[in-house]
Amino acid sequence: MSDIRFDGRVAVITGAGGGLGKTYALDMARRGASVVVNDLGGSADGTGGGSSMADATVKEITEAGGTAVANYDSVATPEGGKGIIQAALDNFGKVDILVNNAGILRDKSFLKLEPENLEAVIDVHLKGAFFVTQPAFASMKDNGYGRIVMASSGAGIFGNFGQTNYGAAKMGLVGLMNVLAVEGAKYNIKVNSIAPVAKTRLTEELLGGFGDALDPNFVTPLVSYLCSEKCELTHEIFDVGGGRYARIFIGMAKGWLTPKGKMPKAEDILDHIDVIRDPEGFTVPESIADETKAIAEALKSQQ
């Protein structure tokens, strides 16, 4: 078994003052990475701030013989995103790895969700990933190498009661990943997403007794792999929790094609909805080009 190492690599991990992010930072540092530990130090709902959380992770890394610096910028602004990446450039000269892990929760059922709680969650999860990734992507492009991991969630991919704001933001990260994987392909920038289920300060009240089986350290090996040179995968989503690892994918069914020369009506859709929904023979498009190719091939079969 070959070792996964990060010697000479620079990793930026947002929200690394505790929970999942801290486990990623500790593991990558142990494997030789120089790590920027970003954490605003606020509460679970995003309010407040402080340096103690990031400093504690950095102290743990350095006392174990690793290399790390702390950063306290918020991911939720363009200036904060640039500041986080600039910390890596100033201290280590480049960025090789980025884990967009920072997050907050402001859960409420849809009709009770105030606009400010929608905006705050979108700002941290979706805009935050954009603001940090854009300057990181520029450095990676210049160096012809990069590994990016987006922390998505089953709340967005599959749905969960009371998390419209969080779910929308987390599914938005899948869309961001999809496009960046395409744009980064020729620069050896691999971009993937995870949907972790783990007991952290954000989730312990939601998970109840089930949380005891969901140690955050179960997630860490997958993230370390996805951030390594050994990983050649891109454009993929992985479900992880409790020691179980599984691919999640967005597939496209073969579908139903309207007979040539006929403009369909709603009744035709009703009559063929089972064929339209039938997953047999599905494909997993790598980009919108594969989607349009499938349409073109179907139309060609009419001729």
Protein backbone atom coordinates (compact mmCIF):
# COMPACT_ATOMS: atom_id res chain seq x y z
CA MET A 1 0.00 0.00 0.00
CA SER A 2 1.50 3.33 -1.08
CA ASP A 3 1.41 6.20 1.40
CA ILE A 4 -0.54 9.37 0.73
CA ARG A 5 1.72 12.30 1.51
CA PHE A 6 1.45 16.07 1.19
CA ASP A 7 5.10 17.02 1.45
CA GLY A 8 5.65 20.36 -0.30
CA ARG A 9 1.91 20.93 -0.66
CA VAL A 10 -0.03 23.87 0.75
CA ALA A 11 -3.56 23.28 2.02
CA VAL A 12 -6.20 25.87 2.89
CA ILE A 13 -9.05 24.57 5.03
CA THR A 14 -11.93 26.83 5.99
CA GLY A 15 -13.77 26.26 9.24
CA ALA A 16 -10.78 24.29 10.54
CA GLY A 17 -10.98 25.47 14.14
CA GLY A 18 -13.14 22.52 15.12
CA GLY A 19 -15.25 19.61 13.92
CA LEU A 20 -14.61 18.14 10.51
CA GLY A 21 -12.31 20.92 9.36
CA LYS A 22 -9.97 20.38 12.27
CA THR A 23 -9.66 16.67 11.52
CA TYR A 24 -8.73 17.49 7.91
CA ALA A 25 -6.11 20.01 9.00
CA LEU A 26 -4.53 17.65 11.52
CA ASP A 27 -4.36 14.74 9.09
CA MET A 28 -2.91 16.72 6.19
CA ALA A 29 -0.35 18.39 8.44
CA ARG A 30 0.63 14.98 9.83
CA ARG A 31 1.16 13.86 6.25
CA GLY A 32 3.48 16.79 5.49
CA ALA A 33 1.26 19.62 4.26
CA SER A 34 1.68 23.25 5.24
CA VAL A 35 -1.79 24.26 6.38
CA VAL A 36 -3.70 27.53 6.56
CA VAL A 37 -6.23 27.01 9.35
CA ASN A 38 -9.10 29.41 8.68
CA ASP A 39 -11.83 29.93 11.24
CA LEU A 40 -13.87 33.01 12.08
CA GLY A 41 -14.38 31.61 15.56
CA GLY A 42 -18.07 32.40 15.70
CA SER A 43 -21.00 30.45 17.06
CA ALA A 44 -22.91 27.74 15.19
CA ASP A 45 -25.30 30.34 13.73
CA GLY A 46 -22.43 32.47 12.44
CA THR A 47 -22.59 35.24 15.02
CA GLY A 48 -19.58 36.47 16.95
CA GLY A 49 -15.95 35.69 16.27
CA GLY A 50 -12.56 35.15 17.80
CA SER A 51 -9.11 33.71 17.25
CA SER A 52 -9.07 30.93 19.84
CA MET A 53 -10.43 28.12 17.66
CA ALA A 54 -8.01 28.56 14.76
CA ASP A 55 -5.13 29.16 17.18
CA ALA A 56 -5.89 25.93 19.04
CA THR A 57 -5.74 23.88 15.83
CA VAL A 58 -2.50 25.55 14.78
CA LYS A 59 -0.98 24.90 18.22
CA GLU A 60 -1.91 21.23 18.02
CA ILE A 61 -0.32 20.94 14.58
CA THR A 62 2.89 22.74 15.48
CA GLU A 63 3.32 20.88 18.77
CA ALA A 64 3.14 17.65 16.78
CA GLY A 65 5.93 18.89 14.51
CA GLY A 66 3.77 20.15 11.64
CA THR A 67 3.52 23.50 9.91
CA ALA A 68 0.44 25.72 10.07
CA VAL A 69 -0.70 29.32 10.31
CA ALA A 70 -4.01 30.71 11.50
CA ASN A 71 -6.39 32.97 9.60
CA TYR A 72 -9.54 34.55 11.02
CA ASP A 73 -11.14 36.09 7.92
CA SER A 74 -14.79 35.48 7.11
CA VAL A 75 -15.44 33.49 3.96
CA ALA A 76 -18.65 35.45 3.41
CA THR A 77 -17.08 38.46 1.66
CA PRO A 78 -14.82 38.83 -1.39
CA GLU A 79 -12.25 40.57 0.81
CA GLY A 80 -12.32 37.74 3.32
CA GLY A 81 -11.91 35.11 0.62
CA LYS A 82 -8.91 36.93 -0.83
CA GLY A 83 -7.44 37.37 2.63
CA ILE A 84 -7.61 33.65 3.34
CA ILE A 85 -5.78 32.75 0.16
CA GLN A 86 -3.33 35.62 0.58
CA ALA A 87 -2.36 34.11 3.93
CA ALA A 88 -1.29 30.98 2.06
CA LEU A 89 0.58 32.95 -0.59
CA ASP A 90 2.35 35.16 1.95
CA ASN A 91 3.40 32.29 4.18
CA PHE A 92 3.94 29.44 1.74
CA GLY A 93 3.99 30.95 -1.77
CA LYS A 94 1.15 28.96 -3.34
CA VAL A 95 -2.10 27.04 -2.87
CA ASP A 96 -2.35 23.38 -3.85
CA ILE A 97 -5.37 22.23 -1.86
CA LEU A 98 -8.60 23.89 -0.79
CA VAL A 99 -11.33 22.39 1.37
CA ASN A 100 -14.44 24.58 1.51
CA ASN A 101 -15.66 23.39 4.88
CA ALA A 102 -16.84 26.53 6.71
CA GLY A 103 -20.51 26.52 7.57
CA ILE A 104 -23.31 27.72 9.82
CA LEU A 105 -26.85 26.59 10.55
CA ARG A 106 -30.01 28.66 10.87
CA ASP A 107 -32.71 26.03 10.50
CA LYS A 108 -36.39 26.89 10.29
CA SER A 109 -39.33 25.48 8.37
CA PHE A 110 -39.89 27.22 5.05
CA LEU A 111 -42.78 29.50 6.01
CA LYS A 112 -40.97 30.66 9.14
CA LEU A 113 -37.63 31.39 7.46
CA GLU A 114 -36.75 35.08 7.54
CA PRO A 115 -34.80 36.62 4.63
CA GLU A 116 -31.82 37.41 6.84
CA ASN A 117 -31.44 33.73 7.76
CA LEU A 118 -31.57 32.75 4.10
CA GLU A 119 -28.95 35.34 3.22
CA ALA A 120 -26.59 34.46 6.08
CA VAL A 121 -26.51 30.76 5.16
CA ILE A 122 -26.12 31.43 1.43
CA ASP A 123 -23.34 33.93 2.20
CA VAL A 124 -21.27 31.47 4.21
CA HIS A 125 -21.83 28.21 2.34
CA LEU A 126 -22.30 29.15 -1.31
CA LYS A 127 -20.88 32.65 -1.71
CA GLY A 128 -18.16 31.79 0.78
CA ALA A 129 -16.99 28.86 -1.32
CA PHE A 130 -17.02 31.09 -4.40
CA PHE A 131 -15.09 33.91 -2.73
CA VAL A 132 -12.36 31.61 -1.39
CA THR A 133 -12.13 29.36 -4.43
CA GLN A 134 -11.75 32.10 -7.03
CA PRO A 135 -8.33 33.38 -5.83
CA ALA A 136 -7.25 29.82 -4.97
CA PHE A 137 -8.20 28.63 -8.47
CA ALA A 138 -6.05 31.40 -9.96
CA SER A 139 -2.99 30.19 -8.04
CA MET A 140 -3.69 26.58 -8.94
CA LYS A 141 -4.09 27.46 -12.61
CA ASP A 142 -0.74 29.26 -12.62
CA ASN A 143 0.94 26.21 -11.07
CA GLY A 144 -0.88 23.59 -13.15
CA TYR A 145 -2.09 21.71 -10.09
CA GLY A 146 -4.97 21.81 -7.64
CA ARG A 147 -7.31 19.75 -5.52
CA ILE A 148 -10.59 21.29 -4.33
CA VAL A 149 -13.24 19.69 -2.12
CA MET A 150 -16.69 21.19 -1.58
CA ALA A 151 -18.60 20.24 1.56
CA SER A 152 -22.11 19.65 0.26
CA SER A 153 -24.86 17.84 2.16
CA GLY A 154 -27.63 15.31 1.79
CA ALA A 155 -29.93 18.11 2.95
CA GLY A 156 -29.49 19.67 -0.48
CA ILE A 157 -28.90 16.59 -2.61
CA PHE A 158 -31.80 14.61 -1.14
CA GLY A 159 -33.75 17.10 1.00
CA ASN A 160 -34.37 17.56 4.72
CA PHE A 161 -37.20 19.20 6.65
CA GLY A 162 -36.46 22.68 7.97
CA GLN A 163 -33.34 23.29 5.91
CA THR A 164 -34.44 25.14 2.78
CA ASN A 165 -31.69 27.74 3.18
CA TYR A 166 -28.98 25.21 3.99
CA GLY A 167 -30.16 22.70 1.38
CA ALA A 168 -30.27 25.31 -1.38
CA ALA A 169 -26.76 26.49 -0.52
CA LYS A 170 -25.37 22.97 -0.34
CA MET A 171 -26.87 21.92 -3.67
CA GLY A 172 -25.49 25.15 -5.10
CA LEU A 173 -22.04 23.88 -4.18
CA VAL A 174 -22.63 20.85 -6.39
CA GLY A 175 -23.36 23.19 -9.28
CA LEU A 176 -20.20 25.16 -8.51
CA MET A 177 -18.21 21.93 -8.40
CA ASN A 178 -19.67 20.76 -11.72
CA VAL A 179 -18.53 23.86 -13.57
CA LEU A 180 -15.12 24.17 -11.88
CA ALA A 181 -14.36 20.52 -12.68
CA VAL A 182 -14.91 21.32 -16.36
CA GLU A 183 -12.94 24.58 -16.27
CA GLY A 184 -10.10 23.09 -14.24
CA ALA A 185 -9.62 19.92 -16.26
CA LYS A 186 -6.81 21.16 -18.51
CA TYR A 187 -4.91 22.64 -15.55
CA ASN A 188 -4.88 19.42 -13.49
CA ILE A 189 -7.33 20.92 -11.01
CA LYS A 190 -9.58 18.19 -9.64
CA VAL A 191 -12.81 19.32 -7.99
CA ASN A 192 -15.06 16.98 -6.00
CA SER A 193 -17.80 17.19 -3.37
CA ILE A 194 -18.61 15.28 -0.23
CA ALA A 195 -21.89 14.88 1.64
CA PRO A 196 -20.70 14.08 5.16
CA VAL A 197 -22.83 12.83 8.02
CA ALA A 198 -20.90 13.39 11.24
CA LYS A 199 -21.37 14.49 14.83
CA THR A 200 -20.09 18.06 15.19
CA ARG A 201 -21.23 21.10 17.14
CA LEU A 202 -23.52 21.95 14.21
CA THR A 203 -25.22 18.57 14.08
CA GLU A 204 -25.08 16.93 17.52
CA GLU A 205 -28.56 18.16 18.48
CA LEU A 206 -30.02 17.03 15.16
CA LEU A 207 -28.52 13.54 15.22
CA GLY A 208 -29.43 12.53 18.77
CA GLY A 209 -28.16 9.13 19.88
CA PHE A 210 -27.32 8.16 16.29
CA GLY A 211 -24.54 10.73 16.41
CA ASP A 212 -22.41 8.51 18.64
CA ALA A 213 -21.71 6.27 15.65
CA LEU A 214 -20.76 9.21 13.43
CA ASP A 215 -17.28 10.19 14.53
CA PRO A 216 -15.96 13.02 12.30
CA ASN A 217 -12.72 11.09 11.85
CA PHE A 218 -14.56 8.68 9.57
CA VAL A 219 -14.84 11.51 7.02
CA THR A 220 -11.18 12.50 7.12
CA PRO A 221 -9.69 9.63 5.04
CA LEU A 222 -11.96 10.43 2.10
CA VAL A 223 -11.07 14.12 2.16
CA SER A 224 -7.35 13.41 2.45
CA TYR A 225 -7.58 11.05 -0.52
CA LEU A 226 -9.53 13.56 -2.64
CA CYS A 227 -6.94 16.24 -1.83
CA SER A 228 -3.96 14.07 -2.74
CA GLU A 229 -1.88 13.61 -5.86
CA LYS A 230 -3.14 10.02 -5.94
CA CYS A 231 -6.65 11.25 -6.71
CA GLU A 232 -7.33 11.53 -10.43
CA LEU A 233 -11.09 11.74 -9.97
CA THR A 234 -12.97 14.95 -10.63
CA HIS A 235 -16.61 16.05 -10.88
CA GLU A 236 -17.78 13.47 -8.34
CA ILE A 237 -19.87 13.46 -5.16
CA PHE A 238 -19.34 11.08 -2.26
CA ASP A 239 -21.59 10.20 0.64
CA VAL A 240 -19.70 9.47 3.84
CA GLY A 241 -20.65 8.71 7.42
CA GLY A 242 -19.94 6.17 10.15
CA GLY A 243 -17.27 4.42 8.08
CA ARG A 244 -19.46 3.97 4.99
CA TYR A 245 -18.32 5.53 1.70
CA ALA A 246 -20.48 5.67 -1.43
CA ARG A 247 -20.62 7.56 -4.70
CA ILE A 248 -23.61 9.80 -5.35
CA PHE A 249 -24.26 10.70 -8.96
CA ILE A 250 -26.68 12.68 -11.09
CA GLY A 251 -27.81 10.45 -13.93
CA MET A 252 -29.91 11.01 -17.01
CA ALA A 253 -32.46 8.44 -18.15
CA LYS A 254 -32.69 7.34 -21.76
CA GLY A 255 -36.09 8.98 -21.96
CA TRP A 256 -38.83 9.10 -24.59
CA LEU A 257 -38.53 10.75 -27.99
CA THR A 258 -41.49 12.38 -29.68
CA PRO A 259 -42.26 10.80 -33.09
CA LYS A 260 -40.75 12.77 -35.95
CA GLY A 261 -42.96 15.52 -37.29
CA LYS A 262 -45.25 15.57 -34.26
CA MET A 263 -45.51 18.36 -31.68
CA PRO A 264 -46.34 16.65 -28.37
CA LYS A 265 -49.11 17.66 -25.99
CA ALA A 266 -49.32 17.38 -22.22
CA GLU A 267 -51.36 14.22 -22.72
CA ASP A 268 -48.42 12.62 -24.56
CA ILE A 269 -46.20 13.31 -21.55
CA LEU A 270 -48.83 11.71 -19.30
CA ASP A 271 -48.98 8.63 -21.54
CA HIS A 272 -45.20 8.22 -21.59
CA ILE A 273 -44.19 9.43 -18.12
CA ASP A 274 -43.13 5.93 -17.02
CA VAL A 275 -40.75 5.66 -20.00
CA ILE A 276 -39.44 9.17 -19.35
CA ARG A 277 -38.71 8.23 -15.73
CA ASP A 278 -37.35 4.71 -16.36
CA PRO A 279 -33.72 4.65 -15.09
CA GLU A 280 -32.72 1.61 -17.15
CA GLY A 281 -29.90 2.52 -19.51
CA PHE A 282 -29.12 5.79 -17.70
CA THR A 283 -25.94 7.76 -18.33
CA VAL A 284 -23.91 10.09 -16.09
CA PRO A 285 -23.11 13.21 -18.17
CA GLU A 286 -19.71 14.78 -17.57
CA SER A 287 -20.92 18.19 -18.75
CA ILE A 288 -23.76 19.91 -20.58
CA ALA A 289 -22.00 18.79 -23.77
CA ASP A 290 -22.95 15.19 -22.96
CA GLU A 291 -26.55 16.26 -22.40
CA THR A 292 -26.80 17.98 -25.79
CA LYS A 293 -24.98 15.07 -27.43
CA ALA A 294 -27.65 12.70 -26.10
CA ILE A 295 -30.38 14.90 -27.58
CA ALA A 296 -28.56 15.08 -30.91
CA GLU A 297 -28.12 11.29 -31.05
CA ALA A 298 -31.78 10.75 -30.23
CA LEU A 299 -32.84 13.12 -33.00
CA LYS A 300 -30.49 11.38 -35.41
CA SER A 301 -32.27 8.11 -34.72
CA GLN A 302 -35.48 9.64 -36.09
CA GLN A 303 -33.95 10.03 -39.54
